[in-house]
């Protein structure tokens, strides 16, 4: 009897991996579809950045470029003004991001750590800002900026980006600060530290990963913004990269697809490389406030 037991159990052992593999097939198909949906458009954009205008108009869209050179990228920067658009985006995004992080972290500290009457109401008002659609405030803000006389500058973008980024920043950083034990601040107070020293020397270092994560989230939102920049940018030499790509035209107003795809590739793969490079810090920031302890 014992000699025949291995022969009886062998088919069962061989059928079990097969059934497990069959159950995993739908998951593999789903992952393959997701990868195809994400990777193929990026591959198509990258290949399009090397094609000439006749190739776009006469060849199938899946055809590979006939020549591999950087002429479209040179044209995008030299003739299309892509470098100017990137410079304008940097001038609008980074000052806004600095103000968002400075004011947002300070507001989160005041609303979450400090104890004072009415802080819960103020926090609710900040959170209410998340639910206000951006489209509702564009026309009133444009009217205000026009009356003040700053519509021909980059300041409307900086002010609007800072105001729109504040609610989410305050909410996220306050959530991370909630995970810091209150004993830390009590011990600092007993040691004679004032409010400002507790903020700069204790609170900010403890939530630096959270600040980094919020900074990256806000950066991608501001860098990829089109609606706000399209509304407030009234001069061609102040266009950000998204508005510039929207108006990327060649001779006689025709769309020159090669330089356009080259400009899109610079934007897409540049931000993707930034995210991949900073991915570990983002994950650390996202998990640092997950457990209170």
C-alpha atoms as a PDB file:
ATOM      1  CA  UNK A   1       0.000   0.000   0.000  1.00  0.00           C
ATOM      2  CA  UNK A   2       2.759   2.435   0.897  1.00  0.00           C
ATOM      3  CA  UNK A   3       4.492   1.759  -2.435  1.00  0.00           C
ATOM      4  CA  UNK A   4       1.455   2.852  -4.426  1.00  0.00           C
ATOM      5  CA  UNK A   5       0.786   6.063  -2.427  1.00  0.00           C
ATOM      6  CA  UNK A   6       3.319   8.234  -4.327  1.00  0.00           C
ATOM      7  CA  UNK A   7       1.656   7.270  -7.635  1.00  0.00           C
ATOM      8  CA  UNK A   8      -1.785   8.314  -6.300  1.00  0.00           C
ATOM      9  CA  UNK A   9      -0.630  11.643  -4.944  1.00  0.00           C
ATOM     10  CA  UNK A  10       1.527  12.558  -7.940  1.00  0.00           C
ATOM     11  CA  UNK A  11      -1.424  13.453 -10.231  1.00  0.00           C
ATOM     12  CA  UNK A  12      -2.914  15.547  -7.418  1.00  0.00           C
ATOM     13  CA  UNK A  13       0.362  17.448  -7.008  1.00  0.00           C
ATOM     14  CA  UNK A  14       0.603  17.992 -10.779  1.00  0.00           C
ATOM     15  CA  UNK A  15      -3.003  19.164 -11.048  1.00  0.00           C
ATOM     16  CA  UNK A  16      -2.691  21.661  -8.179  1.00  0.00           C
ATOM     17  CA  UNK A  17      -0.069  23.918  -9.842  1.00  0.00           C
ATOM     18  CA  UNK A  18      -2.104  23.800 -13.066  1.00  0.00           C
ATOM     19  CA  UNK A  19      -5.240  24.966 -11.290  1.00  0.00           C
ATOM     20  CA  UNK A  20      -3.289  27.719  -9.556  1.00  0.00           C
ATOM     21  CA  UNK A  21      -1.894  28.874 -12.892  1.00  0.00           C
ATOM     22  CA  UNK A  22      -5.355  28.885 -14.449  1.00  0.00           C
ATOM     23  CA  UNK A  23      -6.672  31.038 -11.609  1.00  0.00           C
ATOM     24  CA  UNK A  24      -3.820  33.494 -12.146  1.00  0.00           C
ATOM     25  CA  UNK A  25      -4.423  33.929 -15.877  1.00  0.00           C
ATOM     26  CA  UNK A  26      -7.133  36.630 -15.468  1.00  0.00           C
ATOM     27  CA  UNK A  27      -4.790  38.597 -13.206  1.00  0.00           C
ATOM     28  CA  UNK A  28      -1.963  38.332 -15.721  1.00  0.00           C
ATOM     29  CA  UNK A  29      -4.278  39.443 -18.525  1.00  0.00           C
ATOM     30  CA  UNK A  30      -5.433  42.407 -16.447  1.00  0.00           C
ATOM     31  CA  UNK A  31      -1.850  43.450 -15.671  1.00  0.00           C
ATOM     32  CA  UNK A  32      -0.913  43.083 -19.354  1.00  0.00           C
ATOM     33  CA  UNK A  33      -3.842  45.291 -20.399  1.00  0.00           C
ATOM     34  CA  UNK A  34      -2.906  47.941 -17.839  1.00  0.00           C
ATOM     35  CA  UNK A  35       0.730  47.931 -18.984  1.00  0.00           C
ATOM     36  CA  UNK A  36      -0.383  48.133 -22.611  1.00  0.00           C
ATOM     37  CA  UNK A  37      -2.702  51.038 -21.825  1.00  0.00           C
ATOM     38  CA  UNK A  38       0.044  52.953 -20.017  1.00  0.00           C
ATOM     39  CA  UNK A  39       3.191  52.041 -21.938  1.00  0.00           C
ATOM     40  CA  UNK A  40       1.927  52.029 -25.527  1.00  0.00           C
ATOM     41  CA  UNK A  41       0.860  55.731 -25.598  1.00  0.00           C
ATOM     42  CA  UNK A  42       4.234  56.707 -24.158  1.00  0.00           C
ATOM     43  CA  UNK A  43       6.014  54.553 -26.754  1.00  0.00           C
ATOM     44  CA  UNK A  44       3.863  56.092 -29.505  1.00  0.00           C
ATOM     45  CA  UNK A  45       4.696  59.631 -28.340  1.00  0.00           C
ATOM     46  CA  UNK A  46       8.424  58.835 -28.187  1.00  0.00           C
ATOM     47  CA  UNK A  47       8.419  57.302 -31.676  1.00  0.00           C
ATOM     48  CA  UNK A  48       6.422  60.232 -33.014  1.00  0.00           C
ATOM     49  CA  UNK A  49       9.075  62.637 -31.795  1.00  0.00           C
ATOM     50  CA  UNK A  50      11.475  61.190 -34.408  1.00  0.00           C
ATOM     51  CA  UNK A  51       9.055  61.231 -37.376  1.00  0.00           C
ATOM     52  CA  UNK A  52       8.918  63.854 -40.086  1.00  0.00           C
ATOM     53  CA  UNK A  53       5.766  65.691 -41.133  1.00  0.00           C
ATOM     54  CA  UNK A  54       5.295  63.573 -44.331  1.00  0.00           C
ATOM     55  CA  UNK A  55       5.539  60.409 -42.243  1.00  0.00           C
ATOM     56  CA  UNK A  56       2.720  61.616 -39.983  1.00  0.00           C
ATOM     57  CA  UNK A  57       0.519  62.446 -42.972  1.00  0.00           C
ATOM     58  CA  UNK A  58       1.181  59.424 -45.195  1.00  0.00           C
ATOM     59  CA  UNK A  59       2.436  56.533 -43.037  1.00  0.00           C
ATOM     60  CA  UNK A  60       0.296  54.386 -40.674  1.00  0.00           C
ATOM     61  CA  UNK A  61       0.352  55.574 -37.094  1.00  0.00           C
ATOM     62  CA  UNK A  62       2.054  52.357 -35.944  1.00  0.00           C
ATOM     63  CA  UNK A  63       4.951  52.741 -38.410  1.00  0.00           C
ATOM     64  CA  UNK A  64       8.400  53.349 -36.967  1.00  0.00           C
ATOM     65  CA  UNK A  65      10.445  56.432 -37.930  1.00  0.00           C
ATOM     66  CA  UNK A  66      12.489  56.095 -41.094  1.00  0.00           C
ATOM     67  CA  UNK A  67      15.366  58.130 -39.645  1.00  0.00           C
ATOM     68  CA  UNK A  68      16.555  58.484 -36.077  1.00  0.00           C
ATOM     69  CA  UNK A  69      17.780  61.999 -35.358  1.00  0.00           C
ATOM     70  CA  UNK A  70      17.147  64.886 -32.988  1.00  0.00           C
ATOM     71  CA  UNK A  71      15.972  67.411 -35.588  1.00  0.00           C
ATOM     72  CA  UNK A  72      12.491  67.618 -34.056  1.00  0.00           C
ATOM     73  CA  UNK A  73      13.932  68.309 -30.607  1.00  0.00           C
ATOM     74  CA  UNK A  74      16.192  71.030 -32.001  1.00  0.00           C
ATOM     75  CA  UNK A  75      13.228  72.550 -33.839  1.00  0.00           C
ATOM     76  CA  UNK A  76      11.083  72.422 -30.690  1.00  0.00           C
ATOM     77  CA  UNK A  77      13.652  74.401 -28.698  1.00  0.00           C
ATOM     78  CA  UNK A  78      14.910  76.758 -31.403  1.00  0.00           C
ATOM     79  CA  UNK A  79      11.835  77.497 -33.509  1.00  0.00           C
ATOM     80  CA  UNK A  80       9.064  76.490 -31.129  1.00  0.00           C
ATOM     81  CA  UNK A  81      10.410  78.299 -28.074  1.00  0.00           C
ATOM     82  CA  UNK A  82      10.197  75.247 -25.804  1.00  0.00           C
ATOM     83  CA  UNK A  83      13.064  76.547 -23.680  1.00  0.00           C
ATOM     84  CA  UNK A  84      11.148  79.767 -22.974  1.00  0.00           C
ATOM     85  CA  UNK A  85       8.037  77.795 -22.010  1.00  0.00           C
ATOM     86  CA  UNK A  86      10.052  75.637 -19.611  1.00  0.00           C
ATOM     87  CA  UNK A  87      11.633  78.758 -18.084  1.00  0.00           C
ATOM     88  CA  UNK A  88       8.199  80.323 -17.554  1.00  0.00           C
ATOM     89  CA  UNK A  89       6.928  77.140 -15.933  1.00  0.00           C
ATOM     90  CA  UNK A  90       9.909  77.110 -13.572  1.00  0.00           C
ATOM     91  CA  UNK A  91       9.347  80.775 -12.662  1.00  0.00           C
ATOM     92  CA  UNK A  92       5.668  80.115 -11.943  1.00  0.00           C
ATOM     93  CA  UNK A  93       5.830  76.689 -10.291  1.00  0.00           C
ATOM     94  CA  UNK A  94       8.804  76.800  -7.940  1.00  0.00           C
ATOM     95  CA  UNK A  95       7.990  80.083  -6.137  1.00  0.00           C
ATOM     96  CA  UNK A  96       4.398  78.871  -5.789  1.00  0.00           C
ATOM     97  CA  UNK A  97       5.590  75.541  -4.459  1.00  0.00           C
ATOM     98  CA  UNK A  98       7.844  77.226  -1.902  1.00  0.00           C
ATOM     99  CA  UNK A  99       5.010  79.434  -0.659  1.00  0.00           C
ATOM    100  CA  UNK A 100       2.612  76.489  -0.514  1.00  0.00           C
ATOM    101  CA  UNK A 101       4.993  74.425   1.607  1.00  0.00           C
ATOM    102  CA  UNK A 102       5.925  77.311   3.897  1.00  0.00           C
ATOM    103  CA  UNK A 103       2.400  78.560   4.571  1.00  0.00           C
ATOM    104  CA  UNK A 104       0.819  75.094   4.441  1.00  0.00           C
ATOM    105  CA  UNK A 105       3.213  73.574   6.969  1.00  0.00           C
ATOM    106  CA  UNK A 106       2.870  76.561   9.299  1.00  0.00           C
ATOM    107  CA  UNK A 107      -0.930  76.463   9.043  1.00  0.00           C
ATOM    108  CA  UNK A 108      -1.017  72.716   9.672  1.00  0.00           C
ATOM    109  CA  UNK A 109       1.183  73.198  12.740  1.00  0.00           C
ATOM    110  CA  UNK A 110      -1.085  75.937  14.085  1.00  0.00           C
ATOM    111  CA  UNK A 111      -4.255  73.948  13.439  1.00  0.00           C
ATOM    112  CA  UNK A 112      -3.084  70.523  14.554  1.00  0.00           C
ATOM    113  CA  UNK A 113      -0.431  71.030  17.241  1.00  0.00           C
ATOM    114  CA  UNK A 114      -1.287  74.329  18.911  1.00  0.00           C
ATOM    115  CA  UNK A 115      -4.356  74.477  21.121  1.00  0.00           C
ATOM    116  CA  UNK A 116      -6.559  77.542  20.700  1.00  0.00           C
ATOM    117  CA  UNK A 117     -10.243  78.324  20.443  1.00  0.00           C
ATOM    118  CA  UNK A 118     -11.772  78.000  16.986  1.00  0.00           C
ATOM    119  CA  UNK A 119      -9.033  75.919  15.357  1.00  0.00           C
ATOM    120  CA  UNK A 120     -11.479  73.171  14.371  1.00  0.00           C
ATOM    121  CA  UNK A 121     -13.631  75.673  12.483  1.00  0.00           C
ATOM    122  CA  UNK A 122     -10.623  77.101  10.649  1.00  0.00           C
ATOM    123  CA  UNK A 123      -9.494  73.594   9.693  1.00  0.00           C
ATOM    124  CA  UNK A 124     -12.957  72.835   8.308  1.00  0.00           C
ATOM    125  CA  UNK A 125     -12.795  76.045   6.245  1.00  0.00           C
ATOM    126  CA  UNK A 126      -9.453  74.961   4.820  1.00  0.00           C
ATOM    127  CA  UNK A 127     -10.889  71.553   3.927  1.00  0.00           C
ATOM    128  CA  UNK A 128     -13.885  73.244   2.304  1.00  0.00           C
ATOM    129  CA  UNK A 129     -11.447  74.820  -0.133  1.00  0.00           C
ATOM    130  CA  UNK A 130     -10.735  71.382  -1.578  1.00  0.00           C
ATOM    131  CA  UNK A 131     -14.377  71.043  -2.657  1.00  0.00           C
ATOM    132  CA  UNK A 132     -14.532  74.376  -4.534  1.00  0.00           C
ATOM    133  CA  UNK A 133     -14.214  73.774  -8.317  1.00  0.00           C
ATOM    134  CA  UNK A 134     -11.371  75.698  -9.876  1.00  0.00           C
ATOM    135  CA  UNK A 135     -13.567  76.843 -12.762  1.00  0.00           C
ATOM    136  CA  UNK A 136     -15.771  78.851 -10.381  1.00  0.00           C
ATOM    137  CA  UNK A 137     -12.992  81.172  -9.201  1.00  0.00           C
ATOM    138  CA  UNK A 138     -11.206  81.875 -12.499  1.00  0.00           C
ATOM    139  CA  UNK A 139     -13.421  84.727 -13.724  1.00  0.00           C
ATOM    140  CA  UNK A 140     -13.553  86.606 -10.370  1.00  0.00           C
ATOM    141  CA  UNK A 141      -9.796  86.245  -9.984  1.00  0.00           C
ATOM    142  CA  UNK A 142      -9.138  87.441 -13.523  1.00  0.00           C
ATOM    143  CA  UNK A 143     -11.296  90.506 -12.853  1.00  0.00           C
ATOM    144  CA  UNK A 144      -9.328  91.281  -9.688  1.00  0.00           C
ATOM    145  CA  UNK A 145      -5.966  90.794 -11.405  1.00  0.00           C
ATOM    146  CA  UNK A 146      -7.060  93.004 -14.318  1.00  0.00           C
ATOM    147  CA  UNK A 147      -8.166  95.799 -12.003  1.00  0.00           C
ATOM    148  CA  UNK A 148      -4.907  95.591 -10.062  1.00  0.00           C
ATOM    149  CA  UNK A 149      -2.936  95.645 -13.313  1.00  0.00           C
ATOM    150  CA  UNK A 150      -0.875  92.458 -13.028  1.00  0.00           C
ATOM    151  CA  UNK A 151      -2.402  90.431 -15.884  1.00  0.00           C
ATOM    152  CA  UNK A 152       0.714  90.956 -18.021  1.00  0.00           C
ATOM    153  CA  UNK A 153       3.002  89.377 -15.410  1.00  0.00           C
ATOM    154  CA  UNK A 154       3.628  85.942 -13.937  1.00  0.00           C
ATOM    155  CA  UNK A 155       2.162  86.971 -10.562  1.00  0.00           C
ATOM    156  CA  UNK A 156      -1.431  85.827 -11.258  1.00  0.00           C
ATOM    157  CA  UNK A 157      -0.144  82.276 -11.685  1.00  0.00           C
ATOM    158  CA  UNK A 158       1.956  82.384  -8.511  1.00  0.00           C
ATOM    159  CA  UNK A 159      -0.877  83.801  -6.398  1.00  0.00           C
ATOM    160  CA  UNK A 160      -3.500  81.425  -7.796  1.00  0.00           C
ATOM    161  CA  UNK A 161      -1.283  78.337  -7.548  1.00  0.00           C
ATOM    162  CA  UNK A 162      -0.459  79.179  -3.927  1.00  0.00           C
ATOM    163  CA  UNK A 163      -4.089  79.693  -2.966  1.00  0.00           C
ATOM    164  CA  UNK A 164      -5.316  76.543  -4.705  1.00  0.00           C
ATOM    165  CA  UNK A 165      -2.531  74.375  -3.282  1.00  0.00           C
ATOM    166  CA  UNK A 166      -3.029  75.450   0.329  1.00  0.00           C
ATOM    167  CA  UNK A 167      -6.143  73.376   1.322  1.00  0.00           C
ATOM    168  CA  UNK A 168      -4.758  70.002   0.252  1.00  0.00           C
ATOM    169  CA  UNK A 169      -1.333  70.796   1.704  1.00  0.00           C
ATOM    170  CA  UNK A 170      -2.769  71.786   5.087  1.00  0.00           C
ATOM    171  CA  UNK A 171      -4.959  68.675   5.186  1.00  0.00           C
ATOM    172  CA  UNK A 172      -2.175  66.234   4.275  1.00  0.00           C
ATOM    173  CA  UNK A 173       0.526  67.683   6.529  1.00  0.00           C
ATOM    174  CA  UNK A 174      -1.924  68.037   9.451  1.00  0.00           C
ATOM    175  CA  UNK A 175      -2.715  64.338   9.007  1.00  0.00           C
ATOM    176  CA  UNK A 176       0.975  63.462   9.292  1.00  0.00           C
ATOM    177  CA  UNK A 177       1.406  65.729  12.313  1.00  0.00           C
ATOM    178  CA  UNK A 178      -1.456  63.918  14.022  1.00  0.00           C
ATOM    179  CA  UNK A 179       0.737  60.805  14.083  1.00  0.00           C
ATOM    180  CA  UNK A 180       3.433  62.543  16.195  1.00  0.00           C
ATOM    181  CA  UNK A 181       3.049  61.689  19.911  1.00  0.00           C
ATOM    182  CA  UNK A 182       1.938  64.665  21.968  1.00  0.00           C
ATOM    183  CA  UNK A 183       4.604  63.792  24.557  1.00  0.00           C
ATOM    184  CA  UNK A 184       7.241  65.097  22.147  1.00  0.00           C
ATOM    185  CA  UNK A 185       5.801  68.616  22.210  1.00  0.00           C
ATOM    186  CA  UNK A 186       5.123  68.474  25.948  1.00  0.00           C
ATOM    187  CA  UNK A 187       8.747  67.552  26.637  1.00  0.00           C
ATOM    188  CA  UNK A 188       9.976  70.360  24.385  1.00  0.00           C
ATOM    189  CA  UNK A 189       7.735  72.845  26.200  1.00  0.00           C
ATOM    190  CA  UNK A 190       9.047  71.700  29.586  1.00  0.00           C
ATOM    191  CA  UNK A 191      12.590  72.179  28.316  1.00  0.00           C
ATOM    192  CA  UNK A 192      11.783  75.830  27.575  1.00  0.00           C
ATOM    193  CA  UNK A 193      11.320  75.703  23.804  1.00  0.00           C
ATOM    194  CA  UNK A 194       8.957  78.338  22.435  1.00  0.00           C
ATOM    195  CA  UNK A 195       6.381  77.877  19.668  1.00  0.00           C
ATOM    196  CA  UNK A 196       8.744  78.848  16.863  1.00  0.00           C
ATOM    197  CA  UNK A 197      11.576  76.611  18.029  1.00  0.00           C
ATOM    198  CA  UNK A 198       9.222  73.651  18.377  1.00  0.00           C
ATOM    199  CA  UNK A 199       8.046  74.268  14.827  1.00  0.00           C
ATOM    200  CA  UNK A 200      11.441  74.638  13.131  1.00  0.00           C
ATOM    201  CA  UNK A 201      13.591  72.290  15.240  1.00  0.00           C
ATOM    202  CA  UNK A 202      11.125  69.518  16.109  1.00  0.00           C
ATOM    203  CA  UNK A 203       8.012  69.495  13.961  1.00  0.00           C
ATOM    204  CA  UNK A 204       9.523  70.190  10.540  1.00  0.00           C
ATOM    205  CA  UNK A 205      12.266  67.515  10.851  1.00  0.00           C
ATOM    206  CA  UNK A 206       9.681  64.952  11.990  1.00  0.00           C
ATOM    207  CA  UNK A 207       7.405  65.576   9.001  1.00  0.00           C
ATOM    208  CA  UNK A 208      10.092  66.210   6.380  1.00  0.00           C
ATOM    209  CA  UNK A 209       9.127  63.060   4.448  1.00  0.00           C
ATOM    210  CA  UNK A 210       5.522  64.207   4.428  1.00  0.00           C
ATOM    211  CA  UNK A 211       6.558  67.661   3.233  1.00  0.00           C
ATOM    212  CA  UNK A 212       8.609  66.061   0.475  1.00  0.00           C
ATOM    213  CA  UNK A 213       5.654  63.915  -0.629  1.00  0.00           C
ATOM    214  CA  UNK A 214       3.266  66.869  -0.632  1.00  0.00           C
ATOM    215  CA  UNK A 215       5.821  68.921  -2.553  1.00  0.00           C
ATOM    216  CA  UNK A 216       6.060  66.285  -5.267  1.00  0.00           C
ATOM    217  CA  UNK A 217       2.272  65.922  -5.534  1.00  0.00           C
ATOM    218  CA  UNK A 218       1.815  69.678  -5.786  1.00  0.00           C
ATOM    219  CA  UNK A 219       4.680  69.974  -8.258  1.00  0.00           C
ATOM    220  CA  UNK A 220       3.070  67.548 -10.688  1.00  0.00           C
ATOM    221  CA  UNK A 221      -0.278  69.323 -10.350  1.00  0.00           C
ATOM    222  CA  UNK A 222       1.195  72.776 -10.965  1.00  0.00           C
ATOM    223  CA  UNK A 223       3.591  71.698 -13.710  1.00  0.00           C
ATOM    224  CA  UNK A 224       0.834  69.971 -15.686  1.00  0.00           C
ATOM    225  CA  UNK A 225      -1.731  72.729 -15.195  1.00  0.00           C
ATOM    226  CA  UNK A 226      -3.354  74.022 -18.355  1.00  0.00           C
ATOM    227  CA  UNK A 227      -6.645  75.653 -17.353  1.00  0.00           C
ATOM    228  CA  UNK A 228      -5.277  78.230 -14.901  1.00  0.00           C
ATOM    229  CA  UNK A 229      -2.295  79.134 -17.065  1.00  0.00           C
ATOM    230  CA  UNK A 230      -4.474  79.382 -20.173  1.00  0.00           C
ATOM    231  CA  UNK A 231      -6.813  81.771 -18.335  1.00  0.00           C
ATOM    232  CA  UNK A 232      -4.283  84.136 -16.785  1.00  0.00           C
ATOM    233  CA  UNK A 233      -1.451  84.156 -19.329  1.00  0.00           C
ATOM    234  CA  UNK A 234      -2.194  87.000 -21.735  1.00  0.00           C
ATOM    235  CA  UNK A 235       1.215  87.386 -23.377  1.00  0.00           C
ATOM    236  CA  UNK A 236       2.899  84.896 -25.697  1.00  0.00           C
ATOM    237  CA  UNK A 237       6.279  85.274 -24.002  1.00  0.00           C
ATOM    238  CA  UNK A 238       4.765  84.282 -20.624  1.00  0.00           C
ATOM    239  CA  UNK A 239       3.245  80.980 -21.737  1.00  0.00           C
ATOM    240  CA  UNK A 240       3.998  77.968 -19.566  1.00  0.00           C
ATOM    241  CA  UNK A 241       4.975  74.671 -21.115  1.00  0.00           C
ATOM    242  CA  UNK A 242       1.427  73.281 -21.281  1.00  0.00           C
ATOM    243  CA  UNK A 243       0.007  76.443 -22.878  1.00  0.00           C
ATOM    244  CA  UNK A 244       2.988  76.586 -25.203  1.00  0.00           C
ATOM    245  CA  UNK A 245       2.433  73.024 -26.406  1.00  0.00           C
ATOM    246  CA  UNK A 246      -1.230  73.811 -26.971  1.00  0.00           C
ATOM    247  CA  UNK A 247      -0.186  76.617 -29.336  1.00  0.00           C
ATOM    248  CA  UNK A 248       2.631  74.655 -30.971  1.00  0.00           C
ATOM    249  CA  UNK A 249       2.105  75.430 -34.659  1.00  0.00           C
ATOM    250  CA  UNK A 250       4.316  75.593 -37.691  1.00  0.00           C
ATOM    251  CA  UNK A 251       4.180  77.614 -40.875  1.00  0.00           C
ATOM    252  CA  UNK A 252       0.786  79.141 -41.765  1.00  0.00           C
ATOM    253  CA  UNK A 253      -0.709  77.891 -38.500  1.00  0.00           C
ATOM    254  CA  UNK A 254      -0.436  74.181 -39.378  1.00  0.00           C
ATOM    255  CA  UNK A 255       0.452  71.787 -36.589  1.00  0.00           C
ATOM    256  CA  UNK A 256       4.008  70.516 -36.960  1.00  0.00           C
ATOM    257  CA  UNK A 257       3.618  67.110 -35.346  1.00  0.00           C
ATOM    258  CA  UNK A 258       7.284  66.196 -35.056  1.00  0.00           C
ATOM    259  CA  UNK A 259       8.373  69.124 -32.847  1.00  0.00           C
ATOM    260  CA  UNK A 260       5.059  68.897 -30.984  1.00  0.00           C
ATOM    261  CA  UNK A 261       5.674  65.260 -30.065  1.00  0.00           C
ATOM    262  CA  UNK A 262       9.263  66.141 -29.165  1.00  0.00           C
ATOM    263  CA  UNK A 263       8.021  68.806 -26.752  1.00  0.00           C
ATOM    264  CA  UNK A 264       5.490  66.402 -25.247  1.00  0.00           C
ATOM    265  CA  UNK A 265       8.219  63.780 -24.838  1.00  0.00           C
ATOM    266  CA  UNK A 266      10.435  66.249 -22.963  1.00  0.00           C
ATOM    267  CA  UNK A 267       7.579  67.035 -20.581  1.00  0.00           C
ATOM    268  CA  UNK A 268       6.302  63.494 -20.064  1.00  0.00           C
ATOM    269  CA  UNK A 269       9.595  61.652 -19.738  1.00  0.00           C
ATOM    270  CA  UNK A 270      11.204  64.442 -17.750  1.00  0.00           C
ATOM    271  CA  UNK A 271       8.540  64.310 -15.042  1.00  0.00           C
ATOM    272  CA  UNK A 272       8.510  60.499 -15.195  1.00  0.00           C
ATOM    273  CA  UNK A 273      12.274  60.360 -14.632  1.00  0.00           C
ATOM    274  CA  UNK A 274      11.886  62.748 -11.696  1.00  0.00           C
ATOM    275  CA  UNK A 275       9.231  60.557 -10.113  1.00  0.00           C
ATOM    276  CA  UNK A 276      11.253  57.355 -10.606  1.00  0.00           C
ATOM    277  CA  UNK A 277      14.323  59.008  -9.091  1.00  0.00           C
ATOM    278  CA  UNK A 278      12.383  60.232  -6.037  1.00  0.00           C
ATOM    279  CA  UNK A 279      10.066  57.231  -5.699  1.00  0.00           C
ATOM    280  CA  UNK A 280      11.611  55.891  -2.475  1.00  0.00           C
ATOM    281  CA  UNK A 281      11.232  59.219  -0.683  1.00  0.00           C
ATOM    282  CA  UNK A 282       7.618  59.449  -1.839  1.00  0.00           C
ATOM    283  CA  UNK A 283       6.834  55.997  -0.472  1.00  0.00           C
ATOM    284  CA  UNK A 284       8.556  56.848   2.822  1.00  0.00           C
ATOM    285  CA  UNK A 285       6.508  60.002   3.119  1.00  0.00           C
ATOM    286  CA  UNK A 286       3.237  58.255   2.335  1.00  0.00           C
ATOM    287  CA  UNK A 287       3.803  55.569   4.965  1.00  0.00           C
ATOM    288  CA  UNK A 288       5.284  57.785   7.691  1.00  0.00           C
ATOM    289  CA  UNK A 289       1.866  59.038   8.744  1.00  0.00           C
ATOM    290  CA  UNK A 290       0.035  55.768   8.325  1.00  0.00           C
ATOM    291  CA  UNK A 291       0.678  54.467  11.855  1.00  0.00           C
ATOM    292  CA  UNK A 292       0.520  56.545  14.982  1.00  0.00           C
ATOM    293  CA  UNK A 293       3.172  55.695  17.506  1.00  0.00           C
END
